[in-house]
C-alpha atoms as a PDB file:
ATOM      1  CA  MET A   1     -12.260  27.075  18.931  1.00  0.00           C
ATOM      2  CA  ALA A   2     -11.769  23.393  17.424  1.00  0.00           C
ATOM      3  CA  THR A   3     -14.596  21.803  15.669  1.00  0.00           C
ATOM      4  CA  ARG A   4     -15.721  18.415  16.453  1.00  0.00           C
ATOM      5  CA  LYS A   5     -15.363  15.258  14.646  1.00  0.00           C
ATOM      6  CA  GLU A   6     -17.842  12.958  14.472  1.00  0.00           C
ATOM      7  CA  ILE A   7     -16.770   8.815  14.969  1.00  0.00           C
ATOM      8  CA  ASP A   8     -17.612   6.595  11.729  1.00  0.00           C
ATOM      9  CA  GLY A   9     -17.564   3.238  14.208  1.00  0.00           C
ATOM     10  CA  SER A  10     -19.399   1.562  11.660  1.00  0.00           C
ATOM     11  CA  ALA A  11     -15.842   1.901   9.635  1.00  0.00           C
ATOM     12  CA  GLY A  12     -14.198  -0.785  12.041  1.00  0.00           C
ATOM     13  CA  VAL A  13     -12.961  -2.313  15.394  1.00  0.00           C
ATOM     14  CA  PRO A  14     -11.140   0.545  16.834  1.00  0.00           C
ATOM     15  CA  GLN A  15     -13.360   3.171  15.436  1.00  0.00           C
ATOM     16  CA  PHE A  16     -16.422   1.504  17.044  1.00  0.00           C
ATOM     17  CA  TYR A  17     -13.928   1.004  20.404  1.00  0.00           C
ATOM     18  CA  GLY A  18     -13.147   4.591  20.078  1.00  0.00           C
ATOM     19  CA  LYS A  19     -16.957   5.886  19.777  1.00  0.00           C
ATOM     20  CA  GLU A  20     -18.157   3.876  22.576  1.00  0.00           C
ATOM     21  CA  LEU A  21     -14.860   5.393  24.618  1.00  0.00           C
ATOM     22  CA  ARG A  22     -16.119   9.066  23.686  1.00  0.00           C
ATOM     23  CA  PHE A  23     -19.834   8.116  24.254  1.00  0.00           C
ATOM     24  CA  LYS A  24     -19.216   7.113  27.833  1.00  0.00           C
ATOM     25  CA  ARG A  25     -16.981   9.462  28.803  1.00  0.00           C
ATOM     26  CA  GLU A  26     -19.302  11.795  27.719  1.00  0.00           C
ATOM     27  CA  GLN A  27     -21.974  10.101  29.016  1.00  0.00           C
ATOM     28  CA  ALA A  28     -20.537  10.914  32.492  1.00  0.00           C
ATOM     29  CA  GLY A  29     -19.050  14.655  32.203  1.00  0.00           C
ATOM     30  CA  LEU A  30     -15.260  14.477  31.726  1.00  0.00           C
ATOM     31  CA  THR A  31     -13.719  15.956  29.273  1.00  0.00           C
ATOM     32  CA  LEU A  32     -10.404  14.186  28.020  1.00  0.00           C
ATOM     33  CA  GLU A  33      -8.144  15.812  30.851  1.00  0.00           C
ATOM     34  CA  LYS A  34      -9.914  14.580  33.335  1.00  0.00           C
ATOM     35  CA  LEU A  35     -10.293  11.178  32.441  1.00  0.00           C
ATOM     36  CA  VAL A  36      -6.029  10.782  31.504  1.00  0.00           C
ATOM     37  CA  ASP A  37      -5.272  12.340  34.774  1.00  0.00           C
ATOM     38  CA  GLY A  38      -3.942   9.857  37.147  1.00  0.00           C
ATOM     39  CA  SER A  39      -2.793   7.656  34.575  1.00  0.00           C
ATOM     40  CA  PHE A  40       0.807   8.211  31.990  1.00  0.00           C
ATOM     41  CA  TYR A  41      -0.590   9.311  28.894  1.00  0.00           C
ATOM     42  CA  GLY A  42      -2.274  12.443  27.726  1.00  0.00           C
ATOM     43  CA  ILE A  43      -5.203  13.895  26.290  1.00  0.00           C
ATOM     44  CA  THR A  44      -4.155  13.773  22.913  1.00  0.00           C
ATOM     45  CA  TYR A  45      -3.215  10.207  24.030  1.00  0.00           C
ATOM     46  CA  LEU A  46      -6.883   9.281  24.743  1.00  0.00           C
ATOM     47  CA  SER A  47      -8.631  11.766  21.402  1.00  0.00           C
ATOM     48  CA  GLU A  48      -6.422   9.528  19.183  1.00  0.00           C
ATOM     49  CA  ILE A  49      -7.631   6.081  20.350  1.00  0.00           C
ATOM     50  CA  GLU A  50     -10.977   7.583  20.215  1.00  0.00           C
ATOM     51  CA  HIS A  51     -10.891   8.122  16.372  1.00  0.00           C
ATOM     52  CA  GLY A  52      -9.166   4.608  15.917  1.00  0.00           C
ATOM     53  CA  HIS A  53      -6.229   5.856  15.190  1.00  0.00           C
ATOM     54  CA  ARG A  54      -4.254   4.294  18.207  1.00  0.00           C
ATOM     55  CA  ARG A  55      -4.932   1.329  20.184  1.00  0.00           C
ATOM     56  CA  MET A  56      -5.788   0.855  24.064  1.00  0.00           C
ATOM     57  CA  PRO A  57      -2.508  -0.059  26.447  1.00  0.00           C
ATOM     58  CA  VAL A  58      -3.683  -2.297  28.580  1.00  0.00           C
ATOM     59  CA  ASP A  59      -2.872  -0.090  31.916  1.00  0.00           C
ATOM     60  CA  LEU A  60      -4.747   2.662  30.344  1.00  0.00           C
ATOM     61  CA  ALA A  61      -8.035   0.775  29.988  1.00  0.00           C
ATOM     62  CA  GLN A  62      -7.660  -0.574  33.273  1.00  0.00           C
ATOM     63  CA  HIS A  63      -8.031   3.179  34.312  1.00  0.00           C
ATOM     64  CA  VAL A  64     -10.845   3.922  32.054  1.00  0.00           C
ATOM     65  CA  ASP A  65     -12.874   1.350  33.608  1.00  0.00           C
ATOM     66  CA  ARG A  66     -12.398   2.601  37.076  1.00  0.00           C
ATOM     67  CA  VAL A  67     -12.799   6.190  36.294  1.00  0.00           C
ATOM     68  CA  LEU A  68     -15.953   5.719  34.351  1.00  0.00           C
ATOM     69  CA  GLY A  69     -17.008   2.423  35.974  1.00  0.00           C
ATOM     70  CA  THR A  70     -17.534   0.500  32.622  1.00  0.00           C
ATOM     71  CA  ASP A  71     -16.917  -3.083  34.749  1.00  0.00           C
ATOM     72  CA  GLY A  72     -13.939  -3.498  32.625  1.00  0.00           C
ATOM     73  CA  PHE A  73     -15.548  -3.371  29.616  1.00  0.00           C
ATOM     74  CA  PHE A  74     -12.460  -1.118  27.747  1.00  0.00           C
ATOM     75  CA  GLN A  75      -9.781  -3.889  28.779  1.00  0.00           C
ATOM     76  CA  ARG A  76     -11.823  -7.221  28.132  1.00  0.00           C
ATOM     77  CA  ARG A  77     -12.387  -5.486  24.541  1.00  0.00           C
ATOM     78  CA  CYS A  78      -8.412  -3.937  23.913  1.00  0.00           C
ATOM     79  CA  GLU A  79      -7.234  -7.968  22.027  1.00  0.00           C
ATOM     80  CA  ASP A  80     -10.316  -6.813  19.764  1.00  0.00           C
ATOM     81  CA  VAL A  81      -8.731  -4.110  18.820  1.00  0.00           C
ATOM     82  CA  ARG A  82      -5.348  -5.133  19.073  1.00  0.00           C
ATOM     83  CA  GLN A  83      -5.949  -7.976  16.545  1.00  0.00           C
ATOM     84  CA  ALA A  84      -7.987  -5.278  14.223  1.00  0.00           C
ATOM     85  CA  LYS A  85      -5.293  -3.142  14.015  1.00  0.00           C
ATOM     86  CA  GLN A  86      -2.623  -6.085  13.963  1.00  0.00           C
ATOM     87  CA  GLY A  87      -4.395  -7.280  10.434  1.00  0.00           C
ATOM     88  CA  ALA A  88      -2.086  -9.360   8.145  1.00  0.00           C
ATOM     89  CA  HIS A  89       1.037  -7.475   9.953  1.00  0.00           C
ATOM     90  CA  ALA A  90       3.824  -9.454  12.394  1.00  0.00           C
ATOM     91  CA  ALA A  91       2.396  -9.160  15.900  1.00  0.00           C
ATOM     92  CA  PHE A  92       5.894  -7.122  16.329  1.00  0.00           C
ATOM     93  CA  PHE A  93       6.005  -5.028  13.555  1.00  0.00           C
ATOM     94  CA  ALA A  94       1.571  -3.873  13.826  1.00  0.00           C
ATOM     95  CA  PRO A  95       2.623  -1.214  16.455  1.00  0.00           C
ATOM     96  CA  VAL A  96       5.183   0.078  13.911  1.00  0.00           C
ATOM     97  CA  ALA A  97       3.016   0.039  10.559  1.00  0.00           C
ATOM     98  CA  GLU A  98       0.602   1.949  13.372  1.00  0.00           C
ATOM     99  CA  ALA A  99       2.805   4.586  14.588  1.00  0.00           C
ATOM    100  CA  GLU A 100       4.251   5.560  10.892  1.00  0.00           C
ATOM    101  CA  THR A 101       0.437   7.231   9.986  1.00  0.00           C
ATOM    102  CA  ARG A 102       1.826   9.642  13.170  1.00  0.00           C
ATOM    103  CA  ALA A 103       4.670  10.126  12.014  1.00  0.00           C
ATOM    104  CA  ARG A 104       6.211  14.043  11.207  1.00  0.00           C
ATOM    105  CA  THR A 105       9.330  12.681   9.721  1.00  0.00           C
ATOM    106  CA  ILE A 106      10.838   8.893   9.065  1.00  0.00           C
ATOM    107  CA  ASP A 107      14.250   7.847   8.383  1.00  0.00           C
ATOM    108  CA  GLN A 108      15.271   4.736   7.201  1.00  0.00           C
ATOM    109  CA  TRP A 109      18.755   2.753   6.701  1.00  0.00           C
ATOM    110  CA  SER A 110      18.766  -0.840   5.061  1.00  0.00           C
ATOM    111  CA  GLY A 111      21.443  -2.615   4.123  1.00  0.00           C
ATOM    112  CA  THR A 112      19.513  -6.273   3.173  1.00  0.00           C
ATOM    113  CA  LEU A 113      16.341  -5.302   1.187  1.00  0.00           C
ATOM    114  CA  ILE A 114      14.440  -2.391  -0.435  1.00  0.00           C
ATOM    115  CA  PRO A 115      12.457  -1.477   3.089  1.00  0.00           C
ATOM    116  CA  GLY A 116       8.511  -2.216   3.393  1.00  0.00           C
ATOM    117  CA  LEU A 117       7.390   1.323   2.535  1.00  0.00           C
ATOM    118  CA  LEU A 118       8.913   1.313  -1.375  1.00  0.00           C
ATOM    119  CA  GLN A 119       8.627  -2.050  -2.049  1.00  0.00           C
ATOM    120  CA  THR A 120       6.547  -2.688  -5.426  1.00  0.00           C
ATOM    121  CA  ARG A 121       3.983  -5.783  -5.434  1.00  0.00           C
ATOM    122  CA  SER A 122       6.354  -7.946  -7.449  1.00  0.00           C
ATOM    123  CA  TYR A 123       9.256  -7.278  -4.988  1.00  0.00           C
ATOM    124  CA  ALA A 124       6.938  -7.201  -1.810  1.00  0.00           C
ATOM    125  CA  GLN A 125       6.181 -10.502  -3.348  1.00  0.00           C
ATOM    126  CA  GLY A 126       9.488 -12.605  -3.822  1.00  0.00           C
ATOM    127  CA  VAL A 127      10.657 -11.009   0.315  1.00  0.00           C
ATOM    128  CA  VAL A 128       7.640 -13.055   1.560  1.00  0.00           C
ATOM    129  CA  ARG A 129       7.424 -15.825  -0.525  1.00  0.00           C
ATOM    130  CA  SER A 130      11.302 -16.949   0.695  1.00  0.00           C
ATOM    131  CA  THR A 131      10.490 -15.797   4.394  1.00  0.00           C
ATOM    132  CA  HIS A 132       7.425 -17.182   4.483  1.00  0.00           C
ATOM    133  CA  SER A 133       7.692 -20.137   2.254  1.00  0.00           C
ATOM    134  CA  LEU A 134       4.810 -22.200   4.233  1.00  0.00           C
ATOM    135  CA  ASP A 135       2.151 -19.248   3.827  1.00  0.00           C
ATOM    136  CA  THR A 136      -1.139 -20.098   2.032  1.00  0.00           C
ATOM    137  CA  ALA A 137      -1.542 -18.407  -1.635  1.00  0.00           C
ATOM    138  CA  GLU A 138      -4.134 -16.193   0.929  1.00  0.00           C
ATOM    139  CA  GLU A 139      -1.761 -15.288   3.564  1.00  0.00           C
ATOM    140  CA  VAL A 140       0.937 -14.284   1.133  1.00  0.00           C
ATOM    141  CA  GLU A 141      -2.094 -11.979  -0.545  1.00  0.00           C
ATOM    142  CA  ALA A 142      -2.866 -10.328   2.512  1.00  0.00           C
ATOM    143  CA  LYS A 143       0.339  -9.812   3.650  1.00  0.00           C
ATOM    144  CA  ILE A 144       1.568  -8.453   0.603  1.00  0.00           C
ATOM    145  CA  ASN A 145      -2.283  -6.006   0.769  1.00  0.00           C
ATOM    146  CA  ALA A 146      -1.243  -5.033   4.018  1.00  0.00           C
ATOM    147  CA  ARG A 147       2.257  -3.676   3.190  1.00  0.00           C
ATOM    148  CA  LEU A 148       1.724  -1.971  -0.074  1.00  0.00           C
ATOM    149  CA  GLN A 149      -1.429  -0.145   1.932  1.00  0.00           C
ATOM    150  CA  ARG A 150       1.797   1.043   4.136  1.00  0.00           C
ATOM    151  CA  ALA A 151       2.826   2.886   1.084  1.00  0.00           C
ATOM    152  CA  ARG A 152      -0.219   4.969   1.155  1.00  0.00           C
ATOM    153  CA  LEU A 153       1.439   7.179   3.659  1.00  0.00           C
ATOM    154  CA  PHE A 154       2.753   8.766   0.861  1.00  0.00           C
ATOM    155  CA  ASP A 155      -0.559  10.338  -0.837  1.00  0.00           C
ATOM    156  CA  ASP A 156      -0.345  13.138   1.781  1.00  0.00           C
ATOM    157  CA  PRO A 157       1.709  15.867  -0.199  1.00  0.00           C
ATOM    158  CA  LYS A 158       3.551  16.830   3.319  1.00  0.00           C
ATOM    159  CA  LYS A 159       3.501  14.789   5.847  1.00  0.00           C
ATOM    160  CA  PRO A 160       5.345  12.367   6.938  1.00  0.00           C
ATOM    161  CA  GLU A 161       9.092  13.318   5.875  1.00  0.00           C
ATOM    162  CA  TYR A 162      10.992   9.789   4.225  1.00  0.00           C
ATOM    163  CA  TRP A 163      14.808  10.371   4.378  1.00  0.00           C
ATOM    164  CA  VAL A 164      16.176   6.854   3.512  1.00  0.00           C
ATOM    165  CA  VAL A 165      20.066   5.185   2.471  1.00  0.00           C
ATOM    166  CA  LEU A 166      20.264   1.838   0.917  1.00  0.00           C
ATOM    167  CA  HIS A 167      23.539  -0.074   0.886  1.00  0.00           C
ATOM    168  CA  GLU A 168      24.353  -0.222  -2.792  1.00  0.00           C
ATOM    169  CA  SER A 169      24.366  -4.083  -2.893  1.00  0.00           C
ATOM    170  CA  LEU A 170      20.245  -3.333  -3.010  1.00  0.00           C
ATOM    171  CA  VAL A 171      20.745  -1.475  -6.300  1.00  0.00           C
ATOM    172  CA  ARG A 172      22.999  -4.371  -7.389  1.00  0.00           C
ATOM    173  CA  HIS A 173      22.233  -7.161  -7.177  1.00  0.00           C
ATOM    174  CA  SER A 174      18.313  -8.543  -6.792  1.00  0.00           C
ATOM    175  CA  ILE A 175      15.790 -10.603  -5.602  1.00  0.00           C
ATOM    176  CA  VAL A 176      13.493 -10.897  -8.470  1.00  0.00           C
ATOM    177  CA  PRO A 177      13.664 -10.837 -12.314  1.00  0.00           C
ATOM    178  CA  PRO A 178      15.556  -7.746 -14.343  1.00  0.00           C
ATOM    179  CA  VAL A 179      12.585  -6.340 -15.365  1.00  0.00           C
ATOM    180  CA  GLU A 180      10.894  -6.166 -12.281  1.00  0.00           C
ATOM    181  CA  MET A 181      13.466  -4.999 -10.641  1.00  0.00           C
ATOM    182  CA  ALA A 182      13.334  -1.980 -13.296  1.00  0.00           C
ATOM    183  CA  GLU A 183      10.288  -1.558 -11.941  1.00  0.00           C
ATOM    184  CA  GLN A 184      11.516  -1.583  -8.848  1.00  0.00           C
ATOM    185  CA  LEU A 185      13.758   0.765  -9.053  1.00  0.00           C
ATOM    186  CA  ASP A 186      10.980   2.935 -11.090  1.00  0.00           C
ATOM    187  CA  GLN A 187       8.680   3.124  -7.965  1.00  0.00           C
ATOM    188  CA  ILE A 188      11.351   5.044  -5.776  1.00  0.00           C
ATOM    189  CA  THR A 189      13.330   7.285  -8.546  1.00  0.00           C
ATOM    190  CA  ALA A 190       8.945   8.645  -8.807  1.00  0.00           C
ATOM    191  CA  LEU A 191       8.779   8.875  -4.934  1.00  0.00           C
ATOM    192  CA  VAL A 192      12.501  10.580  -5.706  1.00  0.00           C
ATOM    193  CA  ARG A 193      10.918  13.054  -8.636  1.00  0.00           C
ATOM    194  CA  ARG A 194       7.516  13.704  -6.368  1.00  0.00           C
ATOM    195  CA  GLY A 195       9.346  14.878  -3.455  1.00  0.00           C
ATOM    196  CA  ARG A 196       8.613  12.544  -1.270  1.00  0.00           C
ATOM    197  CA  VAL A 197      11.344  10.532  -0.568  1.00  0.00           C
ATOM    198  CA  VAL A 198      15.479  11.521  -0.059  1.00  0.00           C
ATOM    199  CA  THR A 199      17.144   9.237  -1.606  1.00  0.00           C
ATOM    200  CA  GLN A 200      20.864   8.014  -0.511  1.00  0.00           C
ATOM    201  CA  ILE A 201      23.006   4.954  -1.522  1.00  0.00           C
ATOM    202  CA  LEU A 202      25.652   4.023   1.046  1.00  0.00           C
ATOM    203  CA  PRO A 203      28.811   2.255  -1.539  1.00  0.00           C
ATOM    204  CA  TRP A 204      30.392  -0.560  -1.109  1.00  0.00           C
ATOM    205  CA  ASN A 205      33.314   1.335   0.792  1.00  0.00           C
ATOM    206  CA  GLY A 206      31.505   2.958   2.834  1.00  0.00           C
ATOM    207  CA  PRO A 207      33.371   3.831   6.910  1.00  0.00           C
ATOM    208  CA  THR A 208      30.179   2.614   8.625  1.00  0.00           C
ATOM    209  CA  ARG A 209      31.124  -2.048   8.628  1.00  0.00           C
ATOM    210  CA  PRO A 210      29.610  -2.423  11.823  1.00  0.00           C
ATOM    211  CA  LEU A 211      26.052  -0.441  11.326  1.00  0.00           C
ATOM    212  CA  THR A 212      25.485  -1.980   8.341  1.00  0.00           C
ATOM    213  CA  GLU A 213      23.702  -5.283   9.184  1.00  0.00           C
ATOM    214  CA  LEU A 214      21.561  -4.325  11.333  1.00  0.00           C
ATOM    215  CA  PRO A 215      18.298  -2.366   9.860  1.00  0.00           C
ATOM    216  CA  LEU A 216      17.493   1.547  11.298  1.00  0.00           C
ATOM    217  CA  LEU A 217      13.795   2.816  11.485  1.00  0.00           C
ATOM    218  CA  LEU A 218      13.581   6.071  13.142  1.00  0.00           C
ATOM    219  CA  LEU A 219      10.240   8.215  13.666  1.00  0.00           C
ATOM    220  CA  ASN A 220       9.604  11.201  15.339  1.00  0.00           C
ATOM    221  CA  PHE A 221       6.440  12.576  16.042  1.00  0.00           C
ATOM    222  CA  ASP A 222       5.127  15.865  16.883  1.00  0.00           C
ATOM    223  CA  ASN A 223       3.587  15.027  20.432  1.00  0.00           C
ATOM    224  CA  GLU A 224       5.591  11.957  21.635  1.00  0.00           C
ATOM    225  CA  PRO A 225       8.767  10.541  22.492  1.00  0.00           C
ATOM    226  CA  PRO A 226      10.745   9.475  19.110  1.00  0.00           C
ATOM    227  CA  LEU A 227      11.218   5.607  18.483  1.00  0.00           C
ATOM    228  CA  LEU A 228      13.478   3.708  16.634  1.00  0.00           C
ATOM    229  CA  TYR A 229      12.836  -0.266  15.391  1.00  0.00           C
ATOM    230  CA  THR A 230      14.997  -2.638  13.585  1.00  0.00           C
ATOM    231  CA  GLU A 231      14.582  -6.268  13.542  1.00  0.00           C
ATOM    232  CA  GLY A 232      15.339  -9.693  11.365  1.00  0.00           C
ATOM    233  CA  PRO A 233      13.116 -12.107   9.327  1.00  0.00           C
ATOM    234  CA  TYR A 234      11.293 -13.211  12.273  1.00  0.00           C
ATOM    235  CA  HIS A 235      11.284 -11.121  14.821  1.00  0.00           C
ATOM    236  CA  GLY A 236      11.571  -7.014  15.800  1.00  0.00           C
ATOM    237  CA  GLN A 237      12.192  -4.799  19.104  1.00  0.00           C
ATOM    238  CA  ILE A 238      10.725  -0.980  19.154  1.00  0.00           C
ATOM    239  CA  ILE A 239      13.337   0.900  21.274  1.00  0.00           C
ATOM    240  CA  ASP A 240      11.899   3.941  23.463  1.00  0.00           C
ATOM    241  CA  ASP A 241      14.147   4.502  25.556  1.00  0.00           C
ATOM    242  CA  PRO A 242      15.507   8.331  24.664  1.00  0.00           C
ATOM    243  CA  ALA A 243      19.169   8.191  25.444  1.00  0.00           C
ATOM    244  CA  ILE A 244      19.329   4.728  23.730  1.00  0.00           C
ATOM    245  CA  VAL A 245      17.811   6.493  20.579  1.00  0.00           C
ATOM    246  CA  MET A 246      19.819   9.105  20.084  1.00  0.00           C
ATOM    247  CA  GLN A 247      22.743   7.212  20.063  1.00  0.00           C
ATOM    248  CA  TYR A 248      21.446   5.002  16.709  1.00  0.00           C
ATOM    249  CA  ARG A 249      19.900   8.851  15.636  1.00  0.00           C
ATOM    250  CA  LYS A 250      23.787   9.573  15.982  1.00  0.00           C
ATOM    251  CA  ALA A 251      24.908   6.353  14.060  1.00  0.00           C
ATOM    252  CA  TYR A 252      21.933   6.988  11.391  1.00  0.00           C
ATOM    253  CA  ASP A 253      23.503  10.410  10.836  1.00  0.00           C
ATOM    254  CA  ARG A 254      27.087   8.875  10.151  1.00  0.00           C
ATOM    255  CA  LEU A 255      25.669   6.052   7.958  1.00  0.00           C
ATOM    256  CA  ARG A 256      24.042   9.266   6.025  1.00  0.00           C
ATOM    257  CA  ALA A 257      26.917  11.222   6.245  1.00  0.00           C
ATOM    258  CA  ALA A 258      28.671   8.457   4.525  1.00  0.00           C
ATOM    259  CA  ALA A 259      26.305   7.813   1.712  1.00  0.00           C
ATOM    260  CA  LEU A 260      26.500   9.283  -1.497  1.00  0.00           C
ATOM    261  CA  PRO A 261      24.522  12.767  -1.917  1.00  0.00           C
ATOM    262  CA  PRO A 262      21.043  12.578  -3.273  1.00  0.00           C
ATOM    263  CA  GLU A 263      21.461  13.580  -6.576  1.00  0.00           C
ATOM    264  CA  VAL A 264      24.497  11.167  -7.484  1.00  0.00           C
ATOM    265  CA  SER A 265      22.351   8.662  -6.245  1.00  0.00           C
ATOM    266  CA  LEU A 266      18.803   8.941  -7.505  1.00  0.00           C
ATOM    267  CA  ALA A 267      21.112   9.279 -11.293  1.00  0.00           C
ATOM    268  CA  LEU A 268      23.128   5.342  -9.959  1.00  0.00           C
ATOM    269  CA  ILE A 269      19.244   4.116  -9.303  1.00  0.00           C
ATOM    270  CA  GLU A 270      17.846   5.925 -12.528  1.00  0.00           C
ATOM    271  CA  LYS A 271      20.524   3.789 -14.511  1.00  0.00           C
ATOM    272  CA  ALA A 272      20.332   0.784 -12.556  1.00  0.00           C
ATOM    273  CA  ALA A 273      16.864   0.471 -14.285  1.00  0.00           C
ATOM    274  CA  GLU A 274      17.804   1.385 -17.704  1.00  0.00           C
ATOM    275  CA  GLU A 275      20.614  -1.536 -17.504  1.00  0.00           C
ATOM    276  CA  TYR A 276      17.526  -4.276 -15.233  1.00  0.00           C
ATOM    277  CA  ARG A 277      15.881  -2.921 -18.429  1.00  0.00           C
ATOM    278  CA  HIS A 278      17.752  -3.871 -21.219  1.00  0.00           C
ATOM    279  CA  GLY A 279      19.076  -7.297 -19.445  1.00  0.00           C
ATOM    280  CA  GLN A 280      22.392  -6.137 -18.219  1.00  0.00           C
ATOM    281  CA  HIS A 281      23.475  -6.778 -15.084  1.00  0.00           C
ATOM    282  CA  PRO A 282      24.267  -2.880 -13.418  1.00  0.00           C
ATOM    283  CA  SER A 283      27.541  -2.131 -13.776  1.00  0.00           C
END
């Protein structure tokens, strides 16, 4: 029998919310299965809400209030949890950052910027300052810290598996000073050599032009359907329709097939880092 895991309600708003949900559920003598019965959600989903790992959808909150007779409490407090989980992330991206923590595999393609999961502080600062030029110093710092916090995923030695395809231009053309770009490429190299990421470079002449302007983030999970996320500087879109996600999965696989092998890509990245370090433009 699985060991019951205690919930620290003092850890934050999501944990407080989840602990209260568990208390009310057990007070009513209901199992997770009984509480979700009649909703569109499963017991794993509800368990993750109780532990503060996932936000409560409004429709599920309404169902829970109805079953537990809690007079709309969980629906009213949904927004508090949403804001707490969003932090400094843009509202359209916050659910993706949350989903990354549950992902079994993450596959990504980027033709415009080094992805956020791989960014150093200086690179992230360059991106944030260029896209949010009116932000205060405090707002910029909050956005950078939220982005760097996402990379804590790689502290786990095995999960998630992360595979990224980068356009060659991201290595050849820097948005930060050369020394900082060398540090950025060194960070990618270190993650590759630790076995935490697989990186491929798509050459300039890769036969995939129709897709090169559209960033792709594909997430697969153990107990939920896969997701696709794509974005622009000020908007993002999550797609969970299985047929559409599968189409983009095939497109991503074609990008990956057209890219340089991982070992060749690593050598290219390391060579470019050395050239940046010595004040040379990567050839």
